[in-house]
Amino acid sequence: METLSFKFLAIISKSHFISYPCHSFSNSFNSSSLFFIKRLLNNNTRLLTNTAAGIAATPTTQQLKHIKKIAMHKNPKLNPENRMTIYAGPLSLHVRKYKRLALLFCTCGFLLVPSIYFYGKAPIVGAIGVGLSSLVPLFFINYLSATYVSRIYIYLPPQRRYEPSLRRSFNPYALHSSGNPYLTIETFDWLGRIEETTLKLSELKEYKNKNKFQWITWIKQESNNRIGKRFYVEKRVLKQDVFSKGLVEWIEKQSGLNQVQKTNDLK
């Protein structure tokens, strides 16, 4: 009887206590190790994703410079609805037409070069000369009219933009608390498109030197006293209005031109 019970216990121990617990332990070990590896991979993937997103979100040095440049020029106070037109160039439409016409003839001249060479039996030097000759009026017209101002806008305070008293006289302190209001000057590029230059009143100076090949009236003075963009306005048109005439006199005054004129008159 004892031997039977002993054998019975041995069978039970082999079947339950030896085989099954070892098998469950191995399964639990494998599942826990797989869970740990999977969790580690998920953490690494999340870390790499956050790092890549941080690198993509961090702007480079050139991007930071571009953002600062935009923030300097795109002043939130310079709303186009608050600006007033004080000058319109009488030849602005003609200047735009001349620029585009010169560009059209230049394009046609270069397109004719292959046909003149192959079908006209002209020497290659003559064919190239036809194309280069079309560049002369293009460069001349664009260089001569690069400074021509199409329009000038001045920015008014939002709360006073509908007051007609501001137009009766030019008072920069009524336009801006610092006495240095903003202006936007429009010119044309080579394609006849409008280019806007926004600057402060103190940056506009009278151009005292004479240039025989280019029209220049005002210049933009940079922070390091360099000559920036050049502008040409017809003063006879500006002086027909009280407000724009005061603007011309103010620029001449801050450029020291009035003192030179007075000394010349005294001599």
C-alpha atoms as a PDB file:
ATOM      1  CA  MET A   1       0.000   0.000   0.000  1.00  0.00           C
ATOM      2  CA  GLU A   2       2.801   2.344   0.817  1.00  0.00           C
ATOM      3  CA  THR A   3       4.519   1.569  -2.461  1.00  0.00           C
ATOM      4  CA  LEU A   4       1.371   2.351  -4.416  1.00  0.00           C
ATOM      5  CA  SER A   5       0.898   5.639  -2.646  1.00  0.00           C
ATOM      6  CA  PHE A   6       4.526   6.514  -3.189  1.00  0.00           C
ATOM      7  CA  LYS A   7       4.259   5.765  -6.902  1.00  0.00           C
ATOM      8  CA  PHE A   8       1.057   7.764  -7.116  1.00  0.00           C
ATOM      9  CA  LEU A   9       2.724  10.777  -5.486  1.00  0.00           C
ATOM     10  CA  ALA A  10       5.719  10.441  -7.795  1.00  0.00           C
ATOM     11  CA  ILE A  11       3.471  10.467 -10.846  1.00  0.00           C
ATOM     12  CA  ILE A  12       1.624  13.519  -9.562  1.00  0.00           C
ATOM     13  CA  SER A  13       4.863  15.330  -8.763  1.00  0.00           C
ATOM     14  CA  LYS A  14       6.284  14.606 -12.204  1.00  0.00           C
ATOM     15  CA  SER A  15       3.176  15.685 -14.004  1.00  0.00           C
ATOM     16  CA  HIS A  16       2.275  18.811 -12.015  1.00  0.00           C
ATOM     17  CA  PHE A  17       5.161  20.037  -9.940  1.00  0.00           C
ATOM     18  CA  ILE A  18       7.998  19.430 -12.378  1.00  0.00           C
ATOM     19  CA  SER A  19       6.784  19.767 -15.906  1.00  0.00           C
ATOM     20  CA  TYR A  20       4.006  22.362 -15.649  1.00  0.00           C
ATOM     21  CA  PRO A  21       5.653  24.915 -13.361  1.00  0.00           C
ATOM     22  CA  CYS A  22       8.854  24.863 -15.429  1.00  0.00           C
ATOM     23  CA  HIS A  23       6.897  25.334 -18.625  1.00  0.00           C
ATOM     24  CA  SER A  24       4.898  28.237 -17.179  1.00  0.00           C
ATOM     25  CA  PHE A  25       8.039  29.812 -15.803  1.00  0.00           C
ATOM     26  CA  SER A  26       9.717  29.702 -19.216  1.00  0.00           C
ATOM     27  CA  ASN A  27       6.633  31.190 -20.874  1.00  0.00           C
ATOM     28  CA  SER A  28       6.413  33.962 -18.310  1.00  0.00           C
ATOM     29  CA  PHE A  29      10.113  34.664 -18.690  1.00  0.00           C
ATOM     30  CA  ASN A  30       9.824  34.829 -22.473  1.00  0.00           C
ATOM     31  CA  SER A  31       6.752  37.063 -22.343  1.00  0.00           C
ATOM     32  CA  SER A  32       8.351  39.409 -19.813  1.00  0.00           C
ATOM     33  CA  SER A  33      11.556  39.660 -21.866  1.00  0.00           C
ATOM     34  CA  LEU A  34       9.580  40.342 -25.033  1.00  0.00           C
ATOM     35  CA  PHE A  35       7.547  42.993 -23.227  1.00  0.00           C
ATOM     36  CA  PHE A  36      10.742  44.634 -21.963  1.00  0.00           C
ATOM     37  CA  ILE A  37      12.310  44.664 -25.456  1.00  0.00           C
ATOM     38  CA  LYS A  38       9.120  46.014 -27.005  1.00  0.00           C
ATOM     39  CA  ARG A  39       8.904  48.768 -24.388  1.00  0.00           C
ATOM     40  CA  LEU A  40      12.554  49.681 -24.952  1.00  0.00           C
ATOM     41  CA  LEU A  41      11.994  49.909 -28.703  1.00  0.00           C
ATOM     42  CA  ASN A  42       8.926  52.098 -28.202  1.00  0.00           C
ATOM     43  CA  ASN A  43      10.858  54.434 -25.922  1.00  0.00           C
ATOM     44  CA  ASN A  44      13.723  54.706 -28.427  1.00  0.00           C
ATOM     45  CA  THR A  45      11.297  55.346 -31.279  1.00  0.00           C
ATOM     46  CA  ARG A  46       9.554  58.065 -29.284  1.00  0.00           C
ATOM     47  CA  LEU A  47      12.904  59.609 -28.360  1.00  0.00           C
ATOM     48  CA  LEU A  48      14.064  59.634 -31.990  1.00  0.00           C
ATOM     49  CA  THR A  49      10.748  61.132 -33.119  1.00  0.00           C
ATOM     50  CA  ASN A  50      10.940  63.916 -30.533  1.00  0.00           C
ATOM     51  CA  THR A  51      14.568  64.607 -31.437  1.00  0.00           C
ATOM     52  CA  ALA A  52      13.772  64.807 -35.151  1.00  0.00           C
ATOM     53  CA  ALA A  53      10.804  67.056 -34.458  1.00  0.00           C
ATOM     54  CA  GLY A  54      12.958  69.275 -32.269  1.00  0.00           C
ATOM     55  CA  ILE A  55      15.619  69.521 -34.953  1.00  0.00           C
ATOM     56  CA  ALA A  56      13.003  70.328 -37.583  1.00  0.00           C
ATOM     57  CA  ALA A  57      11.346  72.910 -35.337  1.00  0.00           C
ATOM     58  CA  THR A  58      14.636  74.604 -34.411  1.00  0.00           C
ATOM     59  CA  PRO A  59      15.391  77.290 -37.037  1.00  0.00           C
ATOM     60  CA  THR A  60      18.868  77.632 -38.457  1.00  0.00           C
ATOM     61  CA  THR A  61      20.962  80.781 -38.325  1.00  0.00           C
ATOM     62  CA  GLN A  62      19.892  81.898 -41.795  1.00  0.00           C
ATOM     63  CA  GLN A  63      16.245  81.304 -40.917  1.00  0.00           C
ATOM     64  CA  LEU A  64      16.630  83.378 -37.755  1.00  0.00           C
ATOM     65  CA  LYS A  65      18.188  86.221 -39.745  1.00  0.00           C
ATOM     66  CA  HIS A  66      15.371  86.025 -42.280  1.00  0.00           C
ATOM     67  CA  ILE A  67      12.762  86.076 -39.494  1.00  0.00           C
ATOM     68  CA  LYS A  68      14.408  89.106 -37.872  1.00  0.00           C
ATOM     69  CA  LYS A  69      14.573  90.882 -41.225  1.00  0.00           C
ATOM     70  CA  ILE A  70      10.875  90.270 -41.843  1.00  0.00           C
ATOM     71  CA  ALA A  71      10.022  91.422 -38.318  1.00  0.00           C
ATOM     72  CA  MET A  72      11.965  94.639 -38.855  1.00  0.00           C
ATOM     73  CA  HIS A  73      10.312  95.500 -42.164  1.00  0.00           C
ATOM     74  CA  LYS A  74       6.845  94.093 -41.476  1.00  0.00           C
ATOM     75  CA  ASN A  75       5.877  96.399 -38.660  1.00  0.00           C
ATOM     76  CA  PRO A  76       2.396  95.526 -37.373  1.00  0.00           C
ATOM     77  CA  LYS A  77       1.602  99.250 -37.166  1.00  0.00           C
ATOM     78  CA  LEU A  78       2.149  99.660 -40.916  1.00  0.00           C
ATOM     79  CA  ASN A  79      -1.328  98.674 -41.987  1.00  0.00           C
ATOM     80  CA  PRO A  80      -1.982  99.508 -45.680  1.00  0.00           C
ATOM     81  CA  GLU A  81      -5.417 100.778 -44.668  1.00  0.00           C
ATOM     82  CA  ASN A  82      -3.793 103.549 -42.604  1.00  0.00           C
ATOM     83  CA  ARG A  83      -1.573 104.962 -45.330  1.00  0.00           C
ATOM     84  CA  MET A  84      -2.304 107.981 -47.490  1.00  0.00           C
ATOM     85  CA  THR A  85      -1.119 108.658 -51.038  1.00  0.00           C
ATOM     86  CA  ILE A  86       0.866 111.876 -51.216  1.00  0.00           C
ATOM     87  CA  TYR A  87       2.542 111.482 -54.613  1.00  0.00           C
ATOM     88  CA  ALA A  88       1.848 109.777 -57.939  1.00  0.00           C
ATOM     89  CA  GLY A  89       4.490 109.912 -60.644  1.00  0.00           C
ATOM     90  CA  PRO A  90       3.032 111.454 -63.816  1.00  0.00           C
ATOM     91  CA  LEU A  91       5.137 109.173 -66.033  1.00  0.00           C
ATOM     92  CA  SER A  92       4.741 105.967 -64.038  1.00  0.00           C
ATOM     93  CA  LEU A  93       2.465 104.273 -66.583  1.00  0.00           C
ATOM     94  CA  HIS A  94       4.786 105.206 -69.450  1.00  0.00           C
ATOM     95  CA  VAL A  95       7.862 104.003 -67.571  1.00  0.00           C
ATOM     96  CA  ARG A  96       6.240 100.626 -66.971  1.00  0.00           C
ATOM     97  CA  LYS A  97       5.305 100.325 -70.663  1.00  0.00           C
ATOM     98  CA  TYR A  98       8.833 101.237 -71.769  1.00  0.00           C
ATOM     99  CA  LYS A  99      10.359  98.616 -69.481  1.00  0.00           C
ATOM    100  CA  ARG A 100       8.096  95.858 -70.737  1.00  0.00           C
ATOM    101  CA  LEU A 101       8.464  96.914 -74.362  1.00  0.00           C
ATOM    102  CA  ALA A 102      12.256  96.858 -74.085  1.00  0.00           C
ATOM    103  CA  LEU A 103      12.074  93.404 -72.509  1.00  0.00           C
ATOM    104  CA  LEU A 104       9.815  92.191 -75.338  1.00  0.00           C
ATOM    105  CA  PHE A 105      12.169  93.437 -78.067  1.00  0.00           C
ATOM    106  CA  CYS A 106      15.143  91.926 -76.253  1.00  0.00           C
ATOM    107  CA  THR A 107      13.415  88.540 -76.114  1.00  0.00           C
ATOM    108  CA  CYS A 108      12.471  88.739 -79.794  1.00  0.00           C
ATOM    109  CA  GLY A 109      16.044  89.681 -80.711  1.00  0.00           C
ATOM    110  CA  PHE A 110      17.480  86.607 -79.014  1.00  0.00           C
ATOM    111  CA  LEU A 111      14.823  84.352 -80.530  1.00  0.00           C
ATOM    112  CA  LEU A 112      15.777  85.578 -84.013  1.00  0.00           C
ATOM    113  CA  VAL A 113      19.442  84.646 -83.605  1.00  0.00           C
ATOM    114  CA  PRO A 114      19.057  80.924 -84.570  1.00  0.00           C
ATOM    115  CA  SER A 115      16.813  81.701 -87.555  1.00  0.00           C
ATOM    116  CA  ILE A 116      19.192  84.388 -88.849  1.00  0.00           C
ATOM    117  CA  TYR A 117      22.146  82.039 -88.526  1.00  0.00           C
ATOM    118  CA  PHE A 118      20.579  78.917 -90.084  1.00  0.00           C
ATOM    119  CA  TYR A 119      18.128  80.344 -92.609  1.00  0.00           C
ATOM    120  CA  GLY A 120      19.596  83.770 -93.334  1.00  0.00           C
ATOM    121  CA  LYS A 121      23.065  82.305 -93.940  1.00  0.00           C
ATOM    122  CA  ALA A 122      24.585  85.085 -91.872  1.00  0.00           C
ATOM    123  CA  PRO A 123      27.914  84.622 -90.099  1.00  0.00           C
ATOM    124  CA  ILE A 124      27.718  83.651 -86.479  1.00  0.00           C
ATOM    125  CA  VAL A 125      29.256  86.966 -85.403  1.00  0.00           C
ATOM    126  CA  GLY A 126      26.480  88.887 -87.143  1.00  0.00           C
ATOM    127  CA  ALA A 127      23.771  86.683 -85.643  1.00  0.00           C
ATOM    128  CA  ILE A 128      25.148  87.132 -82.136  1.00  0.00           C
ATOM    129  CA  GLY A 129      25.494  90.876 -82.775  1.00  0.00           C
ATOM    130  CA  VAL A 130      21.764  91.085 -83.519  1.00  0.00           C
ATOM    131  CA  GLY A 131      20.990  89.454 -80.176  1.00  0.00           C
ATOM    132  CA  LEU A 132      23.406  91.638 -78.247  1.00  0.00           C
ATOM    133  CA  SER A 133      22.126  94.805 -79.891  1.00  0.00           C
ATOM    134  CA  SER A 134      18.703  94.151 -78.384  1.00  0.00           C
ATOM    135  CA  LEU A 135      20.270  94.305 -74.919  1.00  0.00           C
ATOM    136  CA  VAL A 136      21.352  97.928 -75.310  1.00  0.00           C
ATOM    137  CA  PRO A 137      17.882  99.532 -75.064  1.00  0.00           C
ATOM    138  CA  LEU A 138      16.940  97.125 -72.273  1.00  0.00           C
ATOM    139  CA  PHE A 139      19.912  98.110 -70.108  1.00  0.00           C
ATOM    140  CA  PHE A 140      19.607 101.790 -70.937  1.00  0.00           C
ATOM    141  CA  ILE A 141      15.883 102.107 -70.154  1.00  0.00           C
ATOM    142  CA  ASN A 142      16.112 100.075 -66.958  1.00  0.00           C
ATOM    143  CA  TYR A 143      19.185 101.915 -65.712  1.00  0.00           C
ATOM    144  CA  LEU A 144      17.698 105.309 -66.477  1.00  0.00           C
ATOM    145  CA  SER A 145      14.297 104.604 -64.923  1.00  0.00           C
ATOM    146  CA  ALA A 146      15.380 102.362 -62.044  1.00  0.00           C
ATOM    147  CA  THR A 147      14.971 105.243 -59.596  1.00  0.00           C
ATOM    148  CA  TYR A 148      11.658 106.560 -60.901  1.00  0.00           C
ATOM    149  CA  VAL A 149       9.069 106.674 -58.118  1.00  0.00           C
ATOM    150  CA  SER A 150       5.576 105.578 -58.996  1.00  0.00           C
ATOM    151  CA  ARG A 151       3.829 106.399 -55.705  1.00  0.00           C
ATOM    152  CA  ILE A 152       4.609 107.586 -52.190  1.00  0.00           C
ATOM    153  CA  TYR A 153       2.493 106.654 -49.192  1.00  0.00           C
ATOM    154  CA  ILE A 154       2.732 107.999 -45.668  1.00  0.00           C
ATOM    155  CA  TYR A 155       1.261 106.196 -42.678  1.00  0.00           C
ATOM    156  CA  LEU A 156      -1.219 108.001 -40.448  1.00  0.00           C
ATOM    157  CA  PRO A 157      -2.317 107.199 -36.907  1.00  0.00           C
ATOM    158  CA  PRO A 158      -5.314 104.821 -37.063  1.00  0.00           C
ATOM    159  CA  GLN A 159      -7.437 107.089 -34.895  1.00  0.00           C
ATOM    160  CA  ARG A 160      -6.697 110.184 -37.019  1.00  0.00           C
ATOM    161  CA  ARG A 161      -6.662 108.899 -40.566  1.00  0.00           C
ATOM    162  CA  TYR A 162     -10.044 110.487 -41.373  1.00  0.00           C
ATOM    163  CA  GLU A 163      -9.138 113.943 -40.077  1.00  0.00           C
ATOM    164  CA  PRO A 164      -8.821 116.456 -42.957  1.00  0.00           C
ATOM    165  CA  SER A 165      -6.769 118.784 -40.748  1.00  0.00           C
ATOM    166  CA  LEU A 166      -3.738 116.498 -41.123  1.00  0.00           C
ATOM    167  CA  ARG A 167      -3.614 117.261 -44.829  1.00  0.00           C
ATOM    168  CA  ARG A 168      -3.556 121.047 -44.446  1.00  0.00           C
ATOM    169  CA  SER A 169       0.050 121.176 -43.262  1.00  0.00           C
ATOM    170  CA  PHE A 170       2.950 118.777 -42.885  1.00  0.00           C
ATOM    171  CA  ASN A 171       3.631 118.091 -39.221  1.00  0.00           C
ATOM    172  CA  PRO A 172       5.584 114.866 -38.650  1.00  0.00           C
ATOM    173  CA  TYR A 173       4.816 114.925 -34.918  1.00  0.00           C
ATOM    174  CA  ALA A 174       1.101 114.782 -35.701  1.00  0.00           C
ATOM    175  CA  LEU A 175       1.727 111.714 -37.846  1.00  0.00           C
ATOM    176  CA  HIS A 176       3.939 109.897 -35.360  1.00  0.00           C
ATOM    177  CA  SER A 177       4.705 110.516 -31.707  1.00  0.00           C
ATOM    178  CA  SER A 178       8.464 110.431 -32.377  1.00  0.00           C
ATOM    179  CA  GLY A 179       8.223 112.841 -35.300  1.00  0.00           C
ATOM    180  CA  ASN A 180       9.609 110.144 -37.572  1.00  0.00           C
ATOM    181  CA  PRO A 181       6.709 108.625 -39.537  1.00  0.00           C
ATOM    182  CA  TYR A 182       6.986 105.737 -41.950  1.00  0.00           C
ATOM    183  CA  LEU A 183       6.770 106.053 -45.724  1.00  0.00           C
ATOM    184  CA  THR A 184       6.386 103.474 -48.482  1.00  0.00           C
ATOM    185  CA  ILE A 185       7.928 104.305 -51.862  1.00  0.00           C
ATOM    186  CA  GLU A 186       7.006 102.313 -54.966  1.00  0.00           C
ATOM    187  CA  THR A 187       9.365 101.768 -57.899  1.00  0.00           C
ATOM    188  CA  PHE A 188       9.480  99.304 -60.808  1.00  0.00           C
ATOM    189  CA  ASP A 189      11.791  96.371 -61.408  1.00  0.00           C
ATOM    190  CA  TRP A 190      13.027  95.036 -64.769  1.00  0.00           C
ATOM    191  CA  LEU A 191       9.725  93.274 -65.453  1.00  0.00           C
ATOM    192  CA  GLY A 192       7.618  96.317 -64.624  1.00  0.00           C
ATOM    193  CA  ARG A 193       6.487  94.896 -61.292  1.00  0.00           C
ATOM    194  CA  ILE A 194       6.036  97.131 -58.267  1.00  0.00           C
ATOM    195  CA  GLU A 195       8.779  97.173 -55.652  1.00  0.00           C
ATOM    196  CA  GLU A 196       7.948  98.655 -52.249  1.00  0.00           C
ATOM    197  CA  THR A 197      10.521 100.239 -49.968  1.00  0.00           C
ATOM    198  CA  THR A 198       9.333 101.090 -46.458  1.00  0.00           C
ATOM    199  CA  LEU A 199      11.530 103.465 -44.491  1.00  0.00           C
ATOM    200  CA  LYS A 200      11.430 106.203 -41.901  1.00  0.00           C
ATOM    201  CA  LEU A 201      11.390 109.890 -42.728  1.00  0.00           C
ATOM    202  CA  SER A 202      14.805 110.425 -41.148  1.00  0.00           C
ATOM    203  CA  GLU A 203      16.345 107.911 -43.571  1.00  0.00           C
ATOM    204  CA  LEU A 204      15.466 110.020 -46.626  1.00  0.00           C
ATOM    205  CA  LYS A 205      18.182 112.472 -47.619  1.00  0.00           C
ATOM    206  CA  GLU A 206      18.579 114.892 -50.474  1.00  0.00           C
ATOM    207  CA  TYR A 207      21.030 113.758 -53.126  1.00  0.00           C
ATOM    208  CA  LYS A 208      23.487 116.623 -53.535  1.00  0.00           C
ATOM    209  CA  ASN A 209      25.718 115.146 -56.234  1.00  0.00           C
ATOM    210  CA  LYS A 210      24.707 115.244 -59.871  1.00  0.00           C
ATOM    211  CA  ASN A 211      24.483 112.180 -62.064  1.00  0.00           C
ATOM    212  CA  LYS A 212      24.209 112.728 -65.814  1.00  0.00           C
ATOM    213  CA  PHE A 213      23.080 109.196 -66.624  1.00  0.00           C
ATOM    214  CA  GLN A 214      20.492 108.576 -63.902  1.00  0.00           C
ATOM    215  CA  TRP A 215      17.666 110.546 -62.314  1.00  0.00           C
ATOM    216  CA  ILE A 216      18.215 110.858 -58.567  1.00  0.00           C
ATOM    217  CA  THR A 217      16.460 113.181 -56.133  1.00  0.00           C
ATOM    218  CA  TRP A 218      16.489 111.359 -52.801  1.00  0.00           C
ATOM    219  CA  ILE A 219      18.580 108.587 -51.317  1.00  0.00           C
ATOM    220  CA  LYS A 220      18.035 106.199 -48.455  1.00  0.00           C
ATOM    221  CA  GLN A 221      20.797 106.591 -45.909  1.00  0.00           C
ATOM    222  CA  GLU A 222      21.720 103.338 -44.206  1.00  0.00           C
ATOM    223  CA  SER A 223      22.723 102.959 -40.563  1.00  0.00           C
ATOM    224  CA  ASN A 224      26.447 102.902 -41.423  1.00  0.00           C
ATOM    225  CA  ASN A 225      26.146 106.143 -43.478  1.00  0.00           C
ATOM    226  CA  ARG A 226      26.182 104.227 -46.751  1.00  0.00           C
ATOM    227  CA  ILE A 227      24.029 105.298 -49.674  1.00  0.00           C
ATOM    228  CA  GLY A 228      21.173 102.869 -50.072  1.00  0.00           C
ATOM    229  CA  LYS A 229      18.381 102.836 -52.606  1.00  0.00           C
ATOM    230  CA  ARG A 230      18.013 105.875 -54.865  1.00  0.00           C
ATOM    231  CA  PHE A 231      14.754 107.593 -55.774  1.00  0.00           C
ATOM    232  CA  TYR A 232      13.641 110.152 -58.304  1.00  0.00           C
ATOM    233  CA  VAL A 233      10.550 112.314 -57.743  1.00  0.00           C
ATOM    234  CA  GLU A 234       9.370 115.351 -59.657  1.00  0.00           C
ATOM    235  CA  LYS A 235       9.457 118.143 -57.109  1.00  0.00           C
ATOM    236  CA  ARG A 236       7.287 120.425 -59.198  1.00  0.00           C
ATOM    237  CA  VAL A 237       4.453 117.920 -58.725  1.00  0.00           C
ATOM    238  CA  LEU A 238       5.116 117.580 -55.002  1.00  0.00           C
ATOM    239  CA  LYS A 239       5.184 121.329 -54.451  1.00  0.00           C
ATOM    240  CA  GLN A 240       1.689 121.763 -55.874  1.00  0.00           C
ATOM    241  CA  ASP A 241       0.196 120.414 -52.648  1.00  0.00           C
ATOM    242  CA  VAL A 242       0.699 121.948 -49.203  1.00  0.00           C
ATOM    243  CA  PHE A 243       1.294 118.634 -47.455  1.00  0.00           C
ATOM    244  CA  SER A 244       3.754 117.183 -49.968  1.00  0.00           C
ATOM    245  CA  LYS A 245       5.506 120.552 -50.267  1.00  0.00           C
ATOM    246  CA  GLY A 246       6.092 120.484 -46.519  1.00  0.00           C
ATOM    247  CA  LEU A 247       7.533 116.991 -46.912  1.00  0.00           C
ATOM    248  CA  VAL A 248      10.026 118.211 -49.526  1.00  0.00           C
ATOM    249  CA  GLU A 249      11.062 121.149 -47.369  1.00  0.00           C
ATOM    250  CA  TRP A 250      11.439 118.901 -44.332  1.00  0.00           C
ATOM    251  CA  ILE A 251      13.770 116.535 -46.203  1.00  0.00           C
ATOM    252  CA  GLU A 252      15.797 119.465 -47.521  1.00  0.00           C
ATOM    253  CA  LYS A 253      16.029 120.877 -44.006  1.00  0.00           C
ATOM    254  CA  GLN A 254      17.272 117.670 -42.391  1.00  0.00           C
ATOM    255  CA  SER A 255      19.734 117.222 -45.270  1.00  0.00           C
ATOM    256  CA  GLY A 256      21.191 120.701 -44.669  1.00  0.00           C
ATOM    257  CA  LEU A 257      20.258 121.894 -48.137  1.00  0.00           C
ATOM    258  CA  ASN A 258      18.416 124.972 -46.928  1.00  0.00           C
ATOM    259  CA  GLN A 259      21.497 126.261 -45.116  1.00  0.00           C
ATOM    260  CA  VAL A 260      23.607 125.840 -48.251  1.00  0.00           C
ATOM    261  CA  GLN A 261      21.029 127.708 -50.302  1.00  0.00           C
ATOM    262  CA  LYS A 262      20.905 130.549 -47.762  1.00  0.00           C
ATOM    263  CA  THR A 263      24.679 130.928 -47.741  1.00  0.00           C
ATOM    264  CA  ASN A 264      24.715 130.958 -51.533  1.00  0.00           C
ATOM    265  CA  ASP A 265      22.015 133.635 -51.561  1.00  0.00           C
ATOM    266  CA  LEU A 266      24.002 135.767 -49.096  1.00  0.00           C
ATOM    267  CA  LYS A 267      27.104 135.515 -51.267  1.00  0.00           C
END
